[in-house]
Amino acid sequence: MQVDPGALRAKFRGCLLGLALGLDALAAGLGIGMMGFPMEIIPTVALASPLLLAAGTAVGQRITSDWLSRKGFAVPGLIICTIALLKRTR
């Protein structure tokens, strides 16, 4: 039986992404708890997280052939730099 190495890498990356999202949710929960938010916020976060993940996945699948998929690696850095500049000017 022949195994496609590209498929194995994709599955491994998918597992790592799932782990990263789980750790992100854990960190968000710890932050919310430490800031003293009420327990009623948990259902809101629990519903928003998968909805935003599904929306991001849908948008990502639609733009895979556009400019953003080729040059998109720079977008997160530009957003962070823009936020930093906006905070610095205040």
Protein backbone atom coordinates (compact mmCIF):
# COMPACT_ATOMS: atom_id res chain seq x y z
CA MET A 1 0.00 0.00 0.00
CA GLN A 2 1.45 3.35 -1.08
CA VAL A 3 1.14 6.25 1.36
CA ASP A 4 1.12 9.82 0.08
CA PRO A 5 3.60 11.89 2.12
CA GLY A 6 1.71 15.09 1.31
CA ALA A 7 -1.47 13.67 2.80
CA LEU A 8 0.38 12.63 5.95
CA ARG A 9 1.82 16.13 6.32
CA ALA A 10 -1.63 17.65 5.87
CA LYS A 11 -3.09 15.37 8.56
CA PHE A 12 -0.21 16.18 10.90
CA ARG A 13 -0.70 19.91 10.34
CA GLY A 14 -4.42 19.49 10.96
CA CYS A 15 -3.69 17.78 14.27
CA LEU A 16 -1.28 20.54 15.26
CA LEU A 17 -3.88 23.16 14.34
CA GLY A 18 -6.45 21.39 16.51
CA LEU A 19 -4.00 21.32 19.41
CA ALA A 20 -3.21 25.01 18.95
CA LEU A 21 -6.90 25.94 18.89
CA GLY A 22 -7.51 23.89 22.02
CA LEU A 23 -4.66 25.60 23.84
CA ASP A 24 -5.98 28.97 22.68
CA ALA A 25 -9.40 28.14 24.12
CA LEU A 26 -7.77 27.06 27.39
CA ALA A 27 -5.82 30.32 27.60
CA ALA A 28 -8.98 32.34 26.86
CA GLY A 29 -10.85 30.48 29.59
CA LEU A 30 -8.07 31.10 32.09
CA GLY A 31 -7.97 34.77 31.17
CA ILE A 32 -11.72 35.14 31.52
CA GLY A 33 -11.63 33.40 34.89
CA MET A 34 -8.76 35.52 36.18
CA MET A 35 -10.46 38.74 35.08
CA GLY A 36 -13.54 37.85 37.10
CA PHE A 37 -16.11 37.52 34.33
CA PRO A 38 -19.34 35.77 35.34
CA MET A 39 -19.92 32.13 34.45
CA GLU A 40 -22.72 33.16 32.07
CA ILE A 41 -20.09 34.26 29.52
CA ILE A 42 -19.02 30.64 28.93
CA PRO A 43 -21.92 29.71 26.58
CA THR A 44 -21.29 32.84 24.52
CA VAL A 45 -17.62 31.96 24.08
CA ALA A 46 -18.48 28.30 23.46
CA LEU A 47 -20.84 29.27 20.62
CA ALA A 48 -18.70 32.02 19.13
CA SER A 49 -15.52 29.98 18.82
CA PRO A 50 -16.76 27.28 16.40
CA LEU A 51 -18.83 29.81 14.44
CA LEU A 52 -15.81 32.06 13.88
CA LEU A 53 -13.65 29.05 13.03
CA ALA A 54 -16.19 27.88 10.44
CA ALA A 55 -16.44 31.39 8.98
CA GLY A 56 -12.67 31.69 8.74
CA THR A 57 -12.42 28.29 7.07
CA ALA A 58 -15.10 29.19 4.54
CA VAL A 59 -13.42 32.49 3.68
CA GLY A 60 -10.03 30.80 3.48
CA GLN A 61 -11.30 28.20 1.03
CA ARG A 62 -12.78 30.87 -1.23
CA ILE A 63 -9.65 33.00 -1.49
CA THR A 64 -7.15 30.21 -2.11
CA SER A 65 -6.62 31.18 -5.75
CA ASP A 66 -6.56 34.95 -5.26
CA TRP A 67 -3.77 37.39 -4.51
CA LEU A 68 -4.24 36.91 -0.77
CA SER A 69 -3.31 33.25 -0.95
CA ARG A 70 -0.01 34.11 -2.65
CA LYS A 71 0.86 37.21 -0.66
CA GLY A 72 -1.30 36.65 2.41
CA PHE A 73 1.57 35.58 4.64
CA ALA A 74 2.34 39.27 5.20
CA VAL A 75 -1.19 40.28 6.25
CA PRO A 76 -0.98 39.24 9.96
CA GLY A 77 2.30 41.12 10.36
CA LEU A 78 0.85 44.21 8.72
CA ILE A 79 -2.18 44.07 11.01
CA ILE A 80 0.02 43.81 14.11
CA CYS A 81 2.23 46.68 12.93
CA THR A 82 -0.83 48.82 12.22
CA ILE A 83 -2.25 48.15 15.69
CA ALA A 84 1.12 48.97 17.28
CA LEU A 85 1.38 52.23 15.33
CA LEU A 86 -2.17 53.21 16.25
CA LYS A 87 -1.51 52.55 19.93
CA ARG A 88 1.76 54.46 19.81
CA THR A 89 0.12 57.56 18.35
CA ARG A 90 -2.52 57.76 21.08
